[in-house]
PDB file of N, CA and C in Angstrom:
ATOM      1  N   MET A   1       0.821  -1.163   0.043  1.00  0.00           N
ATOM      2  CA  MET A   1       0.008   0.017  -0.007  1.00  0.00           C
ATOM      3  C   MET A   1       0.874   1.239  -0.022  1.00  0.00           C
ATOM      4  N   ALA A   2       0.544   2.189  -0.821  1.00  0.00           N
ATOM      5  CA  ALA A   2       1.327   3.407  -0.984  1.00  0.00           C
ATOM      6  C   ALA A   2       1.131   4.366   0.246  1.00  0.00           C
ATOM      7  N   THR A   3       2.164   5.021   0.585  1.00  0.00           N
ATOM      8  CA  THR A   3       2.139   6.023   1.647  1.00  0.00           C
ATOM      9  C   THR A   3       2.744   7.299   1.121  1.00  0.00           C
ATOM     10  N   ARG A   4       2.345   8.430   1.729  1.00  0.00           N
ATOM     11  CA  ARG A   4       2.907   9.674   1.349  1.00  0.00           C
ATOM     12  C   ARG A   4       4.183  10.052   2.208  1.00  0.00           C
ATOM     13  N   VAL A   5       4.219   9.371   3.415  1.00  0.00           N
ATOM     14  CA  VAL A   5       5.327   9.760   4.325  1.00  0.00           C
ATOM     15  C   VAL A   5       5.812   8.464   4.943  1.00  0.00           C
ATOM     16  N   ASP A   6       7.193   8.246   4.927  1.00  0.00           N
ATOM     17  CA  ASP A   6       7.850   7.193   5.638  1.00  0.00           C
ATOM     18  C   ASP A   6       8.919   7.827   6.577  1.00  0.00           C
ATOM     19  N   VAL A   7       9.504   6.996   7.436  1.00  0.00           N
ATOM     20  CA  VAL A   7      10.627   7.464   8.265  1.00  0.00           C
ATOM     21  C   VAL A   7      11.777   6.519   8.194  1.00  0.00           C
ATOM     22  N   THR A   8      12.940   7.050   8.394  1.00  0.00           N
ATOM     23  CA  THR A   8      14.096   6.193   8.480  1.00  0.00           C
ATOM     24  C   THR A   8      14.208   5.548   9.891  1.00  0.00           C
ATOM     25  N   PRO A   9      15.013   4.495   9.986  1.00  0.00           N
ATOM     26  CA  PRO A   9      15.143   3.896  11.348  1.00  0.00           C
ATOM     27  C   PRO A   9      15.688   4.927  12.393  1.00  0.00           C
ATOM     28  N   ALA A  10      16.640   5.824  11.919  1.00  0.00           N
ATOM     29  CA  ALA A  10      17.195   6.788  12.858  1.00  0.00           C
ATOM     30  C   ALA A  10      16.082   7.819  13.274  1.00  0.00           C
ATOM     31  N   ALA A  11      15.218   8.164  12.345  1.00  0.00           N
ATOM     32  CA  ALA A  11      14.109   9.116  12.695  1.00  0.00           C
ATOM     33  C   ALA A  11      13.149   8.404  13.681  1.00  0.00           C
ATOM     34  N   ALA A  12      12.872   7.127  13.423  1.00  0.00           N
ATOM     35  CA  ALA A  12      11.976   6.418  14.285  1.00  0.00           C
ATOM     36  C   ALA A  12      12.527   6.336  15.704  1.00  0.00           C
ATOM     37  N   ASP A  13      13.851   6.137  15.788  1.00  0.00           N
ATOM     38  CA  ASP A  13      14.471   6.063  17.117  1.00  0.00           C
ATOM     39  C   ASP A  13      14.334   7.385  17.888  1.00  0.00           C
ATOM     40  N   LEU A  14      14.502   8.475  17.141  1.00  0.00           N
ATOM     41  CA  LEU A  14      14.368   9.786  17.802  1.00  0.00           C
ATOM     42  C   LEU A  14      12.905  10.064  18.208  1.00  0.00           C
ATOM     43  N   MET A  15      12.006   9.594  17.271  1.00  0.00           N
ATOM     44  CA  MET A  15      10.578   9.818  17.647  1.00  0.00           C
ATOM     45  C   MET A  15      10.205   9.027  18.935  1.00  0.00           C
ATOM     46  N   ARG A  16      10.780   7.809  19.074  1.00  0.00           N
ATOM     47  CA  ARG A  16      10.494   7.066  20.252  1.00  0.00           C
ATOM     48  C   ARG A  16      11.046   7.788  21.566  1.00  0.00           C
ATOM     49  N   GLN A  17      12.283   8.327  21.370  1.00  0.00           N
ATOM     50  CA  GLN A  17      12.950   9.060  22.434  1.00  0.00           C
ATOM     51  C   GLN A  17      12.070  10.248  22.825  1.00  0.00           C
ATOM     52  N   LEU A  18      11.724  11.067  21.779  1.00  0.00           N
ATOM     53  CA  LEU A  18      10.945  12.322  22.073  1.00  0.00           C
ATOM     54  C   LEU A  18       9.596  11.957  22.657  1.00  0.00           C
ATOM     55  N   ARG A  19       8.936  10.889  22.164  1.00  0.00           N
ATOM     56  CA  ARG A  19       7.646  10.458  22.746  1.00  0.00           C
ATOM     57  C   ARG A  19       7.795  10.120  24.242  1.00  0.00           C
ATOM     58  N   GLY A  20       8.886   9.427  24.562  1.00  0.00           N
ATOM     59  CA  GLY A  20       9.123   9.074  25.984  1.00  0.00           C
ATOM     60  C   GLY A  20       9.398  10.255  26.864  1.00  0.00           C
ATOM     61  N   GLN A  21      10.000  11.267  26.280  1.00  0.00           N
ATOM     62  CA  GLN A  21      10.345  12.491  27.129  1.00  0.00           C
ATOM     63  C   GLN A  21       9.131  13.427  27.226  1.00  0.00           C
ATOM     64  N   HIS A  22       8.335  13.525  26.099  1.00  0.00           N
ATOM     65  CA  HIS A  22       7.374  14.659  26.063  1.00  0.00           C
ATOM     66  C   HIS A  22       5.921  14.209  25.981  1.00  0.00           C
ATOM     67  N   GLY A  23       5.640  13.024  25.464  1.00  0.00           N
ATOM     68  CA  GLY A  23       4.326  12.573  25.247  1.00  0.00           C
ATOM     69  C   GLY A  23       3.954  12.482  23.801  1.00  0.00           C
ATOM     70  N   PRO A  24       2.688  12.373  23.402  1.00  0.00           N
ATOM     71  CA  PRO A  24       2.254  12.222  22.012  1.00  0.00           C
ATOM     72  C   PRO A  24       2.796  13.334  21.108  1.00  0.00           C
ATOM     73  N   LEU A  25       3.182  12.985  19.878  1.00  0.00           N
ATOM     74  CA  LEU A  25       3.816  13.859  19.018  1.00  0.00           C
ATOM     75  C   LEU A  25       3.016  14.118  17.702  1.00  0.00           C
ATOM     76  N   MET A  26       3.359  15.206  17.009  1.00  0.00           N
ATOM     77  CA  MET A  26       2.791  15.457  15.682  1.00  0.00           C
ATOM     78  C   MET A  26       3.954  16.193  14.858  1.00  0.00           C
ATOM     79  N   PHE A  27       3.757  16.160  13.613  1.00  0.00           N
ATOM     80  CA  PHE A  27       4.670  16.922  12.689  1.00  0.00           C
ATOM     81  C   PHE A  27       3.826  17.855  11.768  1.00  0.00           C
ATOM     82  N   HIS A  28       4.407  18.946  11.466  1.00  0.00           N
ATOM     83  CA  HIS A  28       3.926  19.828  10.472  1.00  0.00           C
ATOM     84  C   HIS A  28       5.097  20.228   9.502  1.00  0.00           C
ATOM     85  N   GLN A  29       4.910  19.931   8.266  1.00  0.00           N
ATOM     86  CA  GLN A  29       5.940  20.281   7.306  1.00  0.00           C
ATOM     87  C   GLN A  29       5.974  21.751   7.082  1.00  0.00           C
ATOM     88  N   SER A  30       7.050  22.420   7.423  1.00  0.00           N
ATOM     89  CA  SER A  30       7.138  23.832   7.297  1.00  0.00           C
ATOM     90  C   SER A  30       7.294  24.229   5.864  1.00  0.00           C
ATOM     91  N   GLY A  31       6.765  25.342   5.493  1.00  0.00           N
ATOM     92  CA  GLY A  31       6.858  25.901   4.126  1.00  0.00           C
ATOM     93  C   GLY A  31       7.929  27.006   4.005  1.00  0.00           C
ATOM     94  N   GLY A  32       8.680  27.249   5.019  1.00  0.00           N
ATOM     95  CA  GLY A  32       9.719  28.254   4.940  1.00  0.00           C
ATOM     96  C   GLY A  32       9.641  29.152   6.182  1.00  0.00           C
ATOM     97  N   CYS A  33       9.976  30.456   5.961  1.00  0.00           N
ATOM     98  CA  CYS A  33      10.027  31.349   7.003  1.00  0.00           C
ATOM     99  C   CYS A  33      11.216  31.147   7.941  1.00  0.00           C
ATOM    100  N   CYS A  34      11.155  31.362   9.238  1.00  0.00           N
ATOM    101  CA  CYS A  34      12.285  31.241  10.120  1.00  0.00           C
ATOM    102  C   CYS A  34      12.757  29.837  10.355  1.00  0.00           C
ATOM    103  N   ASP A  35      11.945  28.800  10.074  1.00  0.00           N
ATOM    104  CA  ASP A  35      12.374  27.406  10.286  1.00  0.00           C
ATOM    105  C   ASP A  35      12.752  26.745   9.008  1.00  0.00           C
ATOM    106  N   GLY A  36      12.950  27.445   7.902  1.00  0.00           N
ATOM    107  CA  GLY A  36      13.322  26.835   6.645  1.00  0.00           C
ATOM    108  C   GLY A  36      12.141  25.930   6.113  1.00  0.00           C
ATOM    109  N   SER A  37      12.514  24.883   5.495  1.00  0.00           N
ATOM    110  CA  SER A  37      11.537  23.897   4.977  1.00  0.00           C
ATOM    111  C   SER A  37      11.668  22.560   5.680  1.00  0.00           C
ATOM    112  N   SER A  38      11.662  22.593   6.972  1.00  0.00           N
ATOM    113  CA  SER A  38      11.992  21.377   7.764  1.00  0.00           C
ATOM    114  C   SER A  38      10.635  20.767   8.323  1.00  0.00           C
ATOM    115  N   PRO A  39      10.634  19.524   8.605  1.00  0.00           N
ATOM    116  CA  PRO A  39       9.491  18.956   9.303  1.00  0.00           C
ATOM    117  C   PRO A  39       9.663  19.289  10.766  1.00  0.00           C
ATOM    118  N   MET A  40       8.625  19.981  11.307  1.00  0.00           N
ATOM    119  CA  MET A  40       8.643  20.412  12.668  1.00  0.00           C
ATOM    120  C   MET A  40       7.952  19.473  13.558  1.00  0.00           C
ATOM    121  N   CYS A  41       8.551  19.047  14.666  1.00  0.00           N
ATOM    122  CA  CYS A  41       7.931  18.077  15.592  1.00  0.00           C
ATOM    123  C   CYS A  41       7.426  18.882  16.834  1.00  0.00           C
ATOM    124  N   TYR A  42       6.203  18.651  17.126  1.00  0.00           N
ATOM    125  CA  TYR A  42       5.563  19.267  18.226  1.00  0.00           C
ATOM    126  C   TYR A  42       4.857  18.295  19.127  1.00  0.00           C
ATOM    127  N   LEU A  43       4.421  18.632  20.310  1.00  0.00           N
ATOM    128  CA  LEU A  43       3.537  17.858  21.071  1.00  0.00           C
ATOM    129  C   LEU A  43       2.203  17.784  20.306  1.00  0.00           C
ATOM    130  N   GLU A  44       1.556  16.681  20.303  1.00  0.00           N
ATOM    131  CA  GLU A  44       0.275  16.562  19.634  1.00  0.00           C
ATOM    132  C   GLU A  44      -0.677  17.677  20.062  1.00  0.00           C
ATOM    133  N   GLY A  45      -1.202  18.447  19.112  1.00  0.00           N
ATOM    134  CA  GLY A  45      -2.109  19.528  19.403  1.00  0.00           C
ATOM    135  C   GLY A  45      -1.458  20.818  19.647  1.00  0.00           C
ATOM    136  N   GLU A  46      -0.129  20.882  19.850  1.00  0.00           N
ATOM    137  CA  GLU A  46       0.525  22.115  20.172  1.00  0.00           C
ATOM    138  C   GLU A  46       0.510  23.071  18.913  1.00  0.00           C
ATOM    139  N   PHE A  47       0.608  22.481  17.729  1.00  0.00           N
ATOM    140  CA  PHE A  47       0.511  23.297  16.496  1.00  0.00           C
ATOM    141  C   PHE A  47      -0.903  23.125  15.984  1.00  0.00           C
ATOM    142  N   ARG A  48      -1.588  24.242  15.947  1.00  0.00           N
ATOM    143  CA  ARG A  48      -3.052  24.125  15.564  1.00  0.00           C
ATOM    144  C   ARG A  48      -3.223  23.953  14.044  1.00  0.00           C
ATOM    145  N   THR A  49      -3.949  22.877  13.744  1.00  0.00           N
ATOM    146  CA  THR A  49      -4.229  22.624  12.338  1.00  0.00           C
ATOM    147  C   THR A  49      -5.713  22.902  12.064  1.00  0.00           C
ATOM    148  N   GLY A  50      -6.012  23.128  10.858  1.00  0.00           N
ATOM    149  CA  GLY A  50      -7.397  23.459  10.513  1.00  0.00           C
ATOM    150  C   GLY A  50      -7.693  23.121   9.071  1.00  0.00           C
ATOM    151  N   GLN A  51      -8.653  23.828   8.494  1.00  0.00           N
ATOM    152  CA  GLN A  51      -9.085  23.538   7.147  1.00  0.00           C
ATOM    153  C   GLN A  51      -8.047  23.900   6.128  1.00  0.00           C
ATOM    154  N   SER A  52      -7.029  24.706   6.493  1.00  0.00           N
ATOM    155  CA  SER A  52      -5.982  25.056   5.649  1.00  0.00           C
ATOM    156  C   SER A  52      -4.818  24.073   5.628  1.00  0.00           C
ATOM    157  N   ASP A  53      -4.988  22.904   6.362  1.00  0.00           N
ATOM    158  CA  ASP A  53      -3.903  21.947   6.462  1.00  0.00           C
ATOM    159  C   ASP A  53      -4.448  20.592   5.918  1.00  0.00           C
ATOM    160  N   VAL A  54      -3.470  19.753   5.486  1.00  0.00           N
ATOM    161  CA  VAL A  54      -3.773  18.450   4.990  1.00  0.00           C
ATOM    162  C   VAL A  54      -3.066  17.388   5.842  1.00  0.00           C
ATOM    163  N   LEU A  55      -3.752  16.364   6.330  1.00  0.00           N
ATOM    164  CA  LEU A  55      -3.166  15.315   7.040  1.00  0.00           C
ATOM    165  C   LEU A  55      -2.548  14.335   6.012  1.00  0.00           C
ATOM    166  N   LEU A  56      -1.308  14.299   5.917  1.00  0.00           N
ATOM    167  CA  LEU A  56      -0.620  13.441   4.927  1.00  0.00           C
ATOM    168  C   LEU A  56      -0.517  11.944   5.351  1.00  0.00           C
ATOM    169  N   GLU A  57      -0.294  11.797   6.646  1.00  0.00           N
ATOM    170  CA  GLU A  57      -0.127  10.387   7.119  1.00  0.00           C
ATOM    171  C   GLU A  57      -0.266  10.413   8.619  1.00  0.00           C
ATOM    172  N   SER A  58      -0.756   9.198   9.160  1.00  0.00           N
ATOM    173  CA  SER A  58      -0.701   8.942  10.559  1.00  0.00           C
ATOM    174  C   SER A  58       0.357   7.805  10.696  1.00  0.00           C
ATOM    175  N   LEU A  59       1.465   8.238  11.111  1.00  0.00           N
ATOM    176  CA  LEU A  59       2.655   7.268  11.185  1.00  0.00           C
ATOM    177  C   LEU A  59       2.546   6.329  12.386  1.00  0.00           C
ATOM    178  N   ARG A  60       2.724   5.059  12.068  1.00  0.00           N
ATOM    179  CA  ARG A  60       2.727   4.014  13.039  1.00  0.00           C
ATOM    180  C   ARG A  60       4.189   3.724  13.325  1.00  0.00           C
ATOM    181  N   ILE A  61       4.700   3.994  14.528  1.00  0.00           N
ATOM    182  CA  ILE A  61       6.127   3.738  14.884  1.00  0.00           C
ATOM    183  C   ILE A  61       6.090   2.683  15.966  1.00  0.00           C
ATOM    184  N   ASP A  62       6.868   1.554  15.749  1.00  0.00           N
ATOM    185  CA  ASP A  62       6.998   0.579  16.793  1.00  0.00           C
ATOM    186  C   ASP A  62       7.475   1.196  18.053  1.00  0.00           C
ATOM    187  N   GLY A  63       6.768   0.903  19.201  1.00  0.00           N
ATOM    188  CA  GLY A  63       7.103   1.408  20.455  1.00  0.00           C
ATOM    189  C   GLY A  63       6.538   2.743  20.816  1.00  0.00           C
ATOM    190  N   VAL A  64       5.703   3.307  19.887  1.00  0.00           N
ATOM    191  CA  VAL A  64       4.903   4.454  20.179  1.00  0.00           C
ATOM    192  C   VAL A  64       3.445   4.111  20.151  1.00  0.00           C
ATOM    193  N   PRO A  65       2.742   4.325  21.279  1.00  0.00           N
ATOM    194  CA  PRO A  65       1.400   3.758  21.376  1.00  0.00           C
ATOM    195  C   PRO A  65       0.372   4.335  20.458  1.00  0.00           C
ATOM    196  N   GLU A  66       0.555   5.610  20.060  1.00  0.00           N
ATOM    197  CA  GLU A  66      -0.414   6.210  19.204  1.00  0.00           C
ATOM    198  C   GLU A  66       0.232   6.686  17.866  1.00  0.00           C
ATOM    199  N   PRO A  67      -0.606   6.816  16.842  1.00  0.00           N
ATOM    200  CA  PRO A  67       0.012   7.295  15.580  1.00  0.00           C
ATOM    201  C   PRO A  67       0.588   8.741  15.756  1.00  0.00           C
ATOM    202  N   ILE A  68       1.588   9.040  14.993  1.00  0.00           N
ATOM    203  CA  ILE A  68       2.217  10.415  14.951  1.00  0.00           C
ATOM    204  C   ILE A  68       1.699  10.974  13.679  1.00  0.00           C
ATOM    205  N   THR A  69       0.838  12.039  13.826  1.00  0.00           N
ATOM    206  CA  THR A  69       0.246  12.692  12.604  1.00  0.00           C
ATOM    207  C   THR A  69       1.268  13.575  11.930  1.00  0.00           C
ATOM    208  N   PHE A  70       1.221  13.589  10.582  1.00  0.00           N
ATOM    209  CA  PHE A  70       2.106  14.452   9.789  1.00  0.00           C
ATOM    210  C   PHE A  70       1.230  15.315   8.849  1.00  0.00           C
ATOM    211  N   TRP A  71       1.297  16.595   9.095  1.00  0.00           N
ATOM    212  CA  TRP A  71       0.497  17.625   8.405  1.00  0.00           C
ATOM    213  C   TRP A  71       1.313  18.522   7.484  1.00  0.00           C
ATOM    214  N   MET A  72       0.602  19.134   6.519  1.00  0.00           N
ATOM    215  CA  MET A  72       1.166  20.112   5.630  1.00  0.00           C
ATOM    216  C   MET A  72       0.076  21.143   5.279  1.00  0.00           C
ATOM    217  N   SER A  73       0.457  22.357   4.986  1.00  0.00           N
ATOM    218  CA  SER A  73      -0.538  23.354   4.613  1.00  0.00           C
ATOM    219  C   SER A  73      -1.062  22.925   3.226  1.00  0.00           C
ATOM    220  N   ALA A  74      -2.357  23.166   3.011  1.00  0.00           N
ATOM    221  CA  ALA A  74      -2.999  22.794   1.787  1.00  0.00           C
ATOM    222  C   ALA A  74      -2.360  23.457   0.590  1.00  0.00           C
ATOM    223  N   SER A  75      -1.951  24.700   0.642  1.00  0.00           N
ATOM    224  CA  SER A  75      -1.267  25.395  -0.442  1.00  0.00           C
ATOM    225  C   SER A  75       0.064  24.712  -0.774  1.00  0.00           C
ATOM    226  N   GLN A  76       0.806  24.344   0.224  1.00  0.00           N
ATOM    227  CA  GLN A  76       2.049  23.645   0.010  1.00  0.00           C
ATOM    228  C   GLN A  76       1.845  22.267  -0.532  1.00  0.00           C
ATOM    229  N   PHE A  77       0.812  21.566  -0.067  1.00  0.00           N
ATOM    230  CA  PHE A  77       0.497  20.176  -0.588  1.00  0.00           C
ATOM    231  C   PHE A  77       0.167  20.229  -2.015  1.00  0.00           C
ATOM    232  N   GLU A  78      -0.459  21.299  -2.513  1.00  0.00           N
ATOM    233  CA  GLU A  78      -0.796  21.435  -3.914  1.00  0.00           C
ATOM    234  C   GLU A  78       0.430  21.409  -4.765  1.00  0.00           C
ATOM    235  N   LEU A  79       1.557  21.903  -4.268  1.00  0.00           N
ATOM    236  CA  LEU A  79       2.845  21.865  -4.949  1.00  0.00           C
ATOM    237  C   LEU A  79       3.491  20.564  -4.794  1.00  0.00           C
ATOM    238  N   TRP A  80       3.371  19.894  -3.694  1.00  0.00           N
ATOM    239  CA  TRP A  80       4.115  18.703  -3.327  1.00  0.00           C
ATOM    240  C   TRP A  80       3.307  17.328  -3.433  1.00  0.00           C
ATOM    241  N   LYS A  81       2.068  17.448  -3.979  1.00  0.00           N
ATOM    242  CA  LYS A  81       1.159  16.270  -4.020  1.00  0.00           C
ATOM    243  C   LYS A  81       1.725  15.098  -4.800  1.00  0.00           C
ATOM    244  N   HIS A  82       2.658  15.325  -5.656  1.00  0.00           N
ATOM    245  CA  HIS A  82       3.323  14.211  -6.411  1.00  0.00           C
ATOM    246  C   HIS A  82       4.555  13.711  -5.756  1.00  0.00           C
ATOM    247  N   THR A  83       4.772  14.053  -4.496  1.00  0.00           N
ATOM    248  CA  THR A  83       5.999  13.786  -3.822  1.00  0.00           C
ATOM    249  C   THR A  83       5.873  12.841  -2.646  1.00  0.00           C
ATOM    250  N   HIS A  84       6.755  11.882  -2.545  1.00  0.00           N
ATOM    251  CA  HIS A  84       6.849  10.994  -1.327  1.00  0.00           C
ATOM    252  C   HIS A  84       7.921  11.597  -0.449  1.00  0.00           C
ATOM    253  N   LEU A  85       7.611  11.654   0.824  1.00  0.00           N
ATOM    254  CA  LEU A  85       8.469  12.235   1.861  1.00  0.00           C
ATOM    255  C   LEU A  85       9.008  11.172   2.737  1.00  0.00           C
ATOM    256  N   THR A  86      10.312  11.220   3.040  1.00  0.00           N
ATOM    257  CA  THR A  86      10.914  10.365   4.028  1.00  0.00           C
ATOM    258  C   THR A  86      11.534  11.239   5.129  1.00  0.00           C
ATOM    259  N   VAL A  87      11.070  11.086   6.343  1.00  0.00           N
ATOM    260  CA  VAL A  87      11.567  11.892   7.460  1.00  0.00           C
ATOM    261  C   VAL A  87      12.905  11.201   7.908  1.00  0.00           C
ATOM    262  N   ASP A  88      13.934  11.935   7.961  1.00  0.00           N
ATOM    263  CA  ASP A  88      15.255  11.453   8.455  1.00  0.00           C
ATOM    264  C   ASP A  88      15.723  12.358   9.457  1.00  0.00           C
ATOM    265  N   VAL A  89      16.869  12.034  10.117  1.00  0.00           N
ATOM    266  CA  VAL A  89      17.484  12.885  11.132  1.00  0.00           C
ATOM    267  C   VAL A  89      18.973  12.998  10.893  1.00  0.00           C
ATOM    268  N   VAL A  90      19.502  14.160  11.065  1.00  0.00           N
ATOM    269  CA  VAL A  90      20.957  14.420  10.917  1.00  0.00           C
ATOM    270  C   VAL A  90      21.468  15.250  12.032  1.00  0.00           C
ATOM    271  N   ARG A  91      22.786  15.265  12.203  1.00  0.00           N
ATOM    272  CA  ARG A  91      23.345  16.057  13.261  1.00  0.00           C
ATOM    273  C   ARG A  91      23.287  17.539  12.876  1.00  0.00           C
ATOM    274  N   GLY A  92      23.201  18.433  13.881  1.00  0.00           N
ATOM    275  CA  GLY A  92      23.158  19.869  13.660  1.00  0.00           C
ATOM    276  C   GLY A  92      21.830  20.347  14.261  1.00  0.00           C
ATOM    277  N   ARG A  93      21.866  21.613  14.515  1.00  0.00           N
ATOM    278  CA  ARG A  93      20.699  22.249  15.112  1.00  0.00           C
ATOM    279  C   ARG A  93      19.745  22.837  14.062  1.00  0.00           C
ATOM    280  N   GLY A  94      18.519  22.471  14.195  1.00  0.00           N
ATOM    281  CA  GLY A  94      17.501  23.025  13.312  1.00  0.00           C
ATOM    282  C   GLY A  94      16.814  24.132  13.997  1.00  0.00           C
ATOM    283  N   SER A  95      15.523  24.213  13.882  1.00  0.00           N
ATOM    284  CA  SER A  95      14.756  25.308  14.467  1.00  0.00           C
ATOM    285  C   SER A  95      14.625  25.139  15.978  1.00  0.00           C
ATOM    286  N   GLY A  96      14.565  26.206  16.686  1.00  0.00           N
ATOM    287  CA  GLY A  96      14.269  26.151  18.132  1.00  0.00           C
ATOM    288  C   GLY A  96      12.879  25.782  18.437  1.00  0.00           C
ATOM    289  N   PHE A  97      11.977  25.753  17.376  1.00  0.00           N
ATOM    290  CA  PHE A  97      10.545  25.444  17.640  1.00  0.00           C
ATOM    291  C   PHE A  97      10.231  24.019  17.611  1.00  0.00           C
ATOM    292  N   SER A  98      11.161  23.160  17.116  1.00  0.00           N
ATOM    293  CA  SER A  98      10.890  21.751  17.009  1.00  0.00           C
ATOM    294  C   SER A  98      11.465  21.021  18.206  1.00  0.00           C
ATOM    295  N   LEU A  99      10.786  19.986  18.674  1.00  0.00           N
ATOM    296  CA  LEU A  99      11.190  19.251  19.961  1.00  0.00           C
ATOM    297  C   LEU A  99      12.609  18.641  19.932  1.00  0.00           C
ATOM    298  N   GLU A 100      13.153  18.302  18.779  1.00  0.00           N
ATOM    299  CA  GLU A 100      14.497  17.699  18.754  1.00  0.00           C
ATOM    300  C   GLU A 100      15.644  18.697  18.859  1.00  0.00           C
ATOM    301  N   ALA A 101      15.293  19.980  18.723  1.00  0.00           N
ATOM    302  CA  ALA A 101      16.388  21.031  18.744  1.00  0.00           C
ATOM    303  C   ALA A 101      17.377  20.855  19.877  1.00  0.00           C
ATOM    304  N   PRO A 102      16.966  20.700  21.138  1.00  0.00           N
ATOM    305  CA  PRO A 102      17.983  20.551  22.197  1.00  0.00           C
ATOM    306  C   PRO A 102      18.819  19.283  22.151  1.00  0.00           C
ATOM    307  N   GLU A 103      18.519  18.348  21.274  1.00  0.00           N
ATOM    308  CA  GLU A 103      19.229  17.093  21.176  1.00  0.00           C
ATOM    309  C   GLU A 103      20.492  17.177  20.273  1.00  0.00           C
ATOM    310  N   GLY A 104      20.650  18.352  19.656  1.00  0.00           N
ATOM    311  CA  GLY A 104      21.776  18.479  18.708  1.00  0.00           C
ATOM    312  C   GLY A 104      21.592  17.836  17.384  1.00  0.00           C
ATOM    313  N   VAL A 105      20.404  17.431  17.070  1.00  0.00           N
ATOM    314  CA  VAL A 105      20.026  16.880  15.732  1.00  0.00           C
ATOM    315  C   VAL A 105      18.822  17.606  15.245  1.00  0.00           C
ATOM    316  N   ARG A 106      18.525  17.325  13.933  1.00  0.00           N
ATOM    317  CA  ARG A 106      17.312  17.912  13.348  1.00  0.00           C
ATOM    318  C   ARG A 106      16.685  16.964  12.354  1.00  0.00           C
ATOM    319  N   PHE A 107      15.360  17.019  12.334  1.00  0.00           N
ATOM    320  CA  PHE A 107      14.633  16.218  11.297  1.00  0.00           C
ATOM    321  C   PHE A 107      14.834  16.891   9.987  1.00  0.00           C
ATOM    322  N   LEU A 108      14.787  16.182   8.923  1.00  0.00           N
ATOM    323  CA  LEU A 108      14.865  16.704   7.558  1.00  0.00           C
ATOM    324  C   LEU A 108      14.038  15.781   6.637  1.00  0.00           C
ATOM    325  N   ILE A 109      13.659  16.298   5.527  1.00  0.00           N
ATOM    326  CA  ILE A 109      12.889  15.534   4.530  1.00  0.00           C
ATOM    327  C   ILE A 109      13.757  15.152   3.365  1.00  0.00           C
ATOM    328  N   ARG A 110      13.697  13.909   2.997  1.00  0.00           N
ATOM    329  CA  ARG A 110      14.230  13.456   1.781  1.00  0.00           C
ATOM    330  C   ARG A 110      13.041  13.124   0.832  1.00  0.00           C
ATOM    331  N   SER A 111      13.082  13.451  -0.387  1.00  0.00           N
ATOM    332  CA  SER A 111      11.886  13.278  -1.217  1.00  0.00           C
ATOM    333  C   SER A 111      12.192  12.673  -2.535  1.00  0.00           C
ATOM    334  N   ARG A 112      11.140  12.156  -3.124  1.00  0.00           N
ATOM    335  CA  ARG A 112      11.161  11.580  -4.487  1.00  0.00           C
ATOM    336  C   ARG A 112       9.771  11.695  -5.065  1.00  0.00           C
ATOM    337  N   LEU A 113       9.683  11.641  -6.359  1.00  0.00           N
ATOM    338  CA  LEU A 113       8.378  11.673  -6.997  1.00  0.00           C
ATOM    339  C   LEU A 113       7.699  10.371  -6.772  1.00  0.00           C
ATOM    340  N   LEU A 114       6.417  10.442  -6.548  1.00  0.00           N
ATOM    341  CA  LEU A 114       5.572   9.207  -6.409  1.00  0.00           C
ATOM    342  C   LEU A 114       5.458   8.571  -7.833  1.00  0.00           C
ATOM    343  N   THR A 115       5.365   7.189  -7.806  1.00  0.00           N
ATOM    344  CA  THR A 115       5.221   6.576  -9.099  1.00  0.00           C
ATOM    345  C   THR A 115       3.757   6.648  -9.556  1.00  0.00           C
ATOM    346  N   GLU A 116       3.518   6.350 -10.801  1.00  0.00           N
ATOM    347  CA  GLU A 116       2.108   6.406 -11.312  1.00  0.00           C
ATOM    348  C   GLU A 116       1.251   5.508 -10.502  1.00  0.00           C
ATOM    349  N   GLN A 117       1.782   4.286 -10.143  1.00  0.00           N
ATOM    350  CA  GLN A 117       0.993   3.322  -9.361  1.00  0.00           C
ATOM    351  C   GLN A 117       0.661   3.870  -7.958  1.00  0.00           C
ATOM    352  N   GLU A 118       1.665   4.470  -7.295  1.00  0.00           N
ATOM    353  CA  GLU A 118       1.424   5.100  -5.966  1.00  0.00           C
ATOM    354  C   GLU A 118       0.413   6.188  -6.055  1.00  0.00           C
ATOM    355  N   LEU A 119       0.494   7.063  -7.073  1.00  0.00           N
ATOM    356  CA  LEU A 119      -0.426   8.134  -7.214  1.00  0.00           C
ATOM    357  C   LEU A 119      -1.889   7.573  -7.374  1.00  0.00           C
ATOM    358  N   ALA A 120      -2.035   6.461  -8.180  1.00  0.00           N
ATOM    359  CA  ALA A 120      -3.349   5.861  -8.304  1.00  0.00           C
ATOM    360  C   ALA A 120      -3.874   5.323  -7.067  1.00  0.00           C
ATOM    361  N   GLU A 121      -2.988   4.704  -6.248  1.00  0.00           N
ATOM    362  CA  GLU A 121      -3.431   4.125  -4.953  1.00  0.00           C
ATOM    363  C   GLU A 121      -3.816   5.205  -3.976  1.00  0.00           C
ATOM    364  N   LEU A 122      -3.155   6.365  -4.009  1.00  0.00           N
ATOM    365  CA  LEU A 122      -3.414   7.476  -3.073  1.00  0.00           C
ATOM    366  C   LEU A 122      -4.596   8.310  -3.451  1.00  0.00           C
ATOM    367  N   SER A 123      -5.043   8.214  -4.657  1.00  0.00           N
ATOM    368  CA  SER A 123      -6.162   9.178  -5.066  1.00  0.00           C
ATOM    369  C   SER A 123      -7.476   8.547  -4.786  1.00  0.00           C
TER     370      SER A 123
END
């Protein structure tokens, strides 16, 4: 089954760690501004989503009791709707708004175009 968002093993490990430290998590893919274009990790519900946002995926991570939601603004999704996202983690400090910032690492997105078959399954 096709997905719009996956995570690397390193990102899953960090998500489990952050979940243990802070509680349920969510992501919102930033479109720019002060935090660049990074996936931002928040406590679930800390970033308010609404009709102007699209839920791309409810990520199931082994060891995390609830799904981790991954959101993007509808206007940004219109530009990225043909793209598969993989959440990864690298050394270095990202935005101070994201929960991983104090850990000396940051989440980032690796992307590729969705295949025709994936697009058909997702529509």
